[in-house]
C-alpha cells in the first residue's frame, strides 16, 4: 500500500522549503547518530578490554588462587553488563530513529 499524506505542495517554493527542512532534519539526525555510535564504539572497546583481561586471568589462574578467581568473576560480570548495554543502545538507536521520523512527520503535518 503506497504511503499517502495530507500535505499538498502549492508550488516550487513549497517543495524547496520541504526539501531544505528535510535536509536540515537529516543532518541533525546524522549528528545524533554519530554521537550514539561513538558511545557504542567506546563500549565495544571496553568489552574487548574485559575479554582480554579475562583471558589473561584465565591463563594465569592456579587452582587455589581465590583473588584471581574473584577478579575473573568480576570480569565476567562486566562483560555481561557491556554486552547488555551494547544491545540496549543498538535497540534504542533504532527506536529513536523511528520516533524522530514520526515526530518530524507529525510536526510538519505530513502524517496520515
C-alpha atoms as a PDB file:
ATOM      1  CA  UNK A   1       0.000   0.000   0.000  1.00  0.00           C
ATOM      2  CA  UNK A   2       1.590   3.310  -1.018  1.00  0.00           C
ATOM      3  CA  UNK A   3       2.114   5.971   1.586  1.00  0.00           C
ATOM      4  CA  UNK A   4      -0.124   8.990   1.120  1.00  0.00           C
ATOM      5  CA  UNK A   5      -0.065  12.203   3.052  1.00  0.00           C
ATOM      6  CA  UNK A   6      -2.321  15.165   3.523  1.00  0.00           C
ATOM      7  CA  UNK A   7       0.459  17.618   2.694  1.00  0.00           C
ATOM      8  CA  UNK A   8      -0.143  19.487  -0.516  1.00  0.00           C
ATOM      9  CA  UNK A   9       2.598  21.469  -2.189  1.00  0.00           C
ATOM     10  CA  UNK A  10       1.235  24.552  -3.869  1.00  0.00           C
ATOM     11  CA  UNK A  11       4.341  25.421  -5.783  1.00  0.00           C
ATOM     12  CA  UNK A  12       8.014  25.103  -6.394  1.00  0.00           C
ATOM     13  CA  UNK A  13       8.981  27.045  -3.285  1.00  0.00           C
ATOM     14  CA  UNK A  14       6.907  24.772  -1.052  1.00  0.00           C
ATOM     15  CA  UNK A  15       8.754  21.762  -2.429  1.00  0.00           C
ATOM     16  CA  UNK A  16      12.086  23.544  -1.994  1.00  0.00           C
ATOM     17  CA  UNK A  17      11.249  24.550   1.590  1.00  0.00           C
ATOM     18  CA  UNK A  18      10.197  20.997   2.450  1.00  0.00           C
ATOM     19  CA  UNK A  19      13.402  19.642   0.910  1.00  0.00           C
ATOM     20  CA  UNK A  20      15.558  22.053   2.910  1.00  0.00           C
ATOM     21  CA  UNK A  21      13.693  21.246   6.125  1.00  0.00           C
ATOM     22  CA  UNK A  22      14.190  17.547   5.439  1.00  0.00           C
ATOM     23  CA  UNK A  23      17.883  18.080   4.739  1.00  0.00           C
ATOM     24  CA  UNK A  24      18.342  20.028   7.982  1.00  0.00           C
ATOM     25  CA  UNK A  25      16.446  17.365   9.906  1.00  0.00           C
ATOM     26  CA  UNK A  26      18.593  14.577   8.431  1.00  0.00           C
ATOM     27  CA  UNK A  27      21.787  16.498   9.256  1.00  0.00           C
ATOM     28  CA  UNK A  28      20.538  16.788  12.836  1.00  0.00           C
ATOM     29  CA  UNK A  29      19.829  13.046  12.923  1.00  0.00           C
ATOM     30  CA  UNK A  30      23.301  12.391  11.497  1.00  0.00           C
ATOM     31  CA  UNK A  31      24.870  14.330  14.371  1.00  0.00           C
ATOM     32  CA  UNK A  32      22.783  12.434  16.925  1.00  0.00           C
ATOM     33  CA  UNK A  33      23.683   9.123  15.295  1.00  0.00           C
ATOM     34  CA  UNK A  34      27.388   9.986  15.241  1.00  0.00           C
ATOM     35  CA  UNK A  35      27.344  10.648  18.989  1.00  0.00           C
ATOM     36  CA  UNK A  36      25.432   7.440  19.706  1.00  0.00           C
ATOM     37  CA  UNK A  37      27.808   5.422  17.523  1.00  0.00           C
ATOM     38  CA  UNK A  38      30.793   6.941  19.330  1.00  0.00           C
ATOM     39  CA  UNK A  39      29.276   5.753  22.603  1.00  0.00           C
ATOM     40  CA  UNK A  40      28.791   2.267  21.151  1.00  0.00           C
ATOM     41  CA  UNK A  41      32.396   2.161  19.903  1.00  0.00           C
ATOM     42  CA  UNK A  42      33.620   3.126  23.361  1.00  0.00           C
ATOM     43  CA  UNK A  43      31.559   0.359  24.968  1.00  0.00           C
ATOM     44  CA  UNK A  44      32.836  -2.174  22.431  1.00  0.00           C
ATOM     45  CA  UNK A  45      36.426  -1.166  23.240  1.00  0.00           C
ATOM     46  CA  UNK A  46      35.733  -1.651  26.941  1.00  0.00           C
ATOM     47  CA  UNK A  47      34.151  -5.028  26.198  1.00  0.00           C
ATOM     48  CA  UNK A  48      37.203  -6.072  24.207  1.00  0.00           C
ATOM     49  CA  UNK A  49      39.445  -4.956  27.057  1.00  0.00           C
ATOM     50  CA  UNK A  50      37.439  -7.032  29.540  1.00  0.00           C
ATOM     51  CA  UNK A  51      37.719 -10.085  27.280  1.00  0.00           C
ATOM     52  CA  UNK A  52      41.495  -9.554  27.193  1.00  0.00           C
ATOM     53  CA  UNK A  53      41.605  -9.237  30.977  1.00  0.00           C
ATOM     54  CA  UNK A  54      39.535 -12.385  31.392  1.00  0.00           C
ATOM     55  CA  UNK A  55      41.798 -14.303  29.020  1.00  0.00           C
ATOM     56  CA  UNK A  56      44.883 -13.099  30.869  1.00  0.00           C
ATOM     57  CA  UNK A  57      43.392 -14.074  34.221  1.00  0.00           C
ATOM     58  CA  UNK A  58      42.281 -17.450  32.897  1.00  0.00           C
ATOM     59  CA  UNK A  59      45.776 -18.244  31.657  1.00  0.00           C
ATOM     60  CA  UNK A  60      47.352 -17.195  34.982  1.00  0.00           C
ATOM     61  CA  UNK A  61      44.846 -18.711  37.394  1.00  0.00           C
ATOM     62  CA  UNK A  62      46.051 -21.556  39.531  1.00  0.00           C
ATOM     63  CA  UNK A  63      43.704 -23.966  41.257  1.00  0.00           C
ATOM     64  CA  UNK A  64      43.735 -22.272  44.662  1.00  0.00           C
ATOM     65  CA  UNK A  65      44.065 -18.578  43.805  1.00  0.00           C
ATOM     66  CA  UNK A  66      40.859 -17.038  45.177  1.00  0.00           C
ATOM     67  CA  UNK A  67      41.823 -13.417  44.446  1.00  0.00           C
ATOM     68  CA  UNK A  68      42.296 -14.027  40.724  1.00  0.00           C
ATOM     69  CA  UNK A  69      39.136 -16.143  40.628  1.00  0.00           C
ATOM     70  CA  UNK A  70      37.198 -13.240  42.155  1.00  0.00           C
ATOM     71  CA  UNK A  71      38.730 -10.844  39.637  1.00  0.00           C
ATOM     72  CA  UNK A  72      37.808 -13.215  36.795  1.00  0.00           C
ATOM     73  CA  UNK A  73      34.239 -13.327  38.107  1.00  0.00           C
ATOM     74  CA  UNK A  74      34.173  -9.528  38.124  1.00  0.00           C
ATOM     75  CA  UNK A  75      35.412  -9.526  34.513  1.00  0.00           C
ATOM     76  CA  UNK A  76      32.628 -11.938  33.531  1.00  0.00           C
ATOM     77  CA  UNK A  77      30.026  -9.688  35.150  1.00  0.00           C
ATOM     78  CA  UNK A  78      31.499  -6.623  33.406  1.00  0.00           C
ATOM     79  CA  UNK A  79      31.408  -8.477  30.079  1.00  0.00           C
ATOM     80  CA  UNK A  80      27.767  -9.381  30.625  1.00  0.00           C
ATOM     81  CA  UNK A  81      26.961  -5.770  31.534  1.00  0.00           C
ATOM     82  CA  UNK A  82      28.730  -4.352  28.468  1.00  0.00           C
ATOM     83  CA  UNK A  83      27.001  -6.844  26.156  1.00  0.00           C
ATOM     84  CA  UNK A  84      23.596  -5.925  27.589  1.00  0.00           C
ATOM     85  CA  UNK A  85      24.366  -2.209  27.363  1.00  0.00           C
ATOM     86  CA  UNK A  86      25.501  -2.504  23.727  1.00  0.00           C
ATOM     87  CA  UNK A  87      22.332  -4.423  22.808  1.00  0.00           C
ATOM     88  CA  UNK A  88      20.188  -1.858  24.631  1.00  0.00           C
ATOM     89  CA  UNK A  89      21.852   1.106  22.915  1.00  0.00           C
ATOM     90  CA  UNK A  90      21.581  -0.509  19.480  1.00  0.00           C
ATOM     91  CA  UNK A  91      17.840  -1.085  20.005  1.00  0.00           C
ATOM     92  CA  UNK A  92      17.471   2.436  21.384  1.00  0.00           C
ATOM     93  CA  UNK A  93      19.068   3.931  18.251  1.00  0.00           C
ATOM     94  CA  UNK A  94      16.571   2.090  16.054  1.00  0.00           C
ATOM     95  CA  UNK A  95      13.643   3.198  18.204  1.00  0.00           C
ATOM     96  CA  UNK A  96      14.942   6.769  18.361  1.00  0.00           C
ATOM     97  CA  UNK A  97      15.163   6.922  14.558  1.00  0.00           C
ATOM     98  CA  UNK A  98      11.576   5.720  14.197  1.00  0.00           C
ATOM     99  CA  UNK A  99      10.364   8.224  16.770  1.00  0.00           C
ATOM    100  CA  UNK A 100      12.448  11.003  15.188  1.00  0.00           C
ATOM    101  CA  UNK A 101      10.828  10.446  11.787  1.00  0.00           C
ATOM    102  CA  UNK A 102       7.330  10.100  13.258  1.00  0.00           C
ATOM    103  CA  UNK A 103       7.731  13.342  15.211  1.00  0.00           C
ATOM    104  CA  UNK A 104       9.018  15.121  12.121  1.00  0.00           C
ATOM    105  CA  UNK A 105       6.066  13.938  10.042  1.00  0.00           C
ATOM    106  CA  UNK A 106       3.591  14.952  12.728  1.00  0.00           C
ATOM    107  CA  UNK A 107       5.222  18.354  13.303  1.00  0.00           C
ATOM    108  CA  UNK A 108       5.237  19.155   9.597  1.00  0.00           C
ATOM    109  CA  UNK A 109       1.691  17.919   9.074  1.00  0.00           C
ATOM    110  CA  UNK A 110       2.743  15.056   6.809  1.00  0.00           C
ATOM    111  CA  UNK A 111       1.375  12.181   8.889  1.00  0.00           C
ATOM    112  CA  UNK A 112      -1.736  10.287   7.926  1.00  0.00           C
END
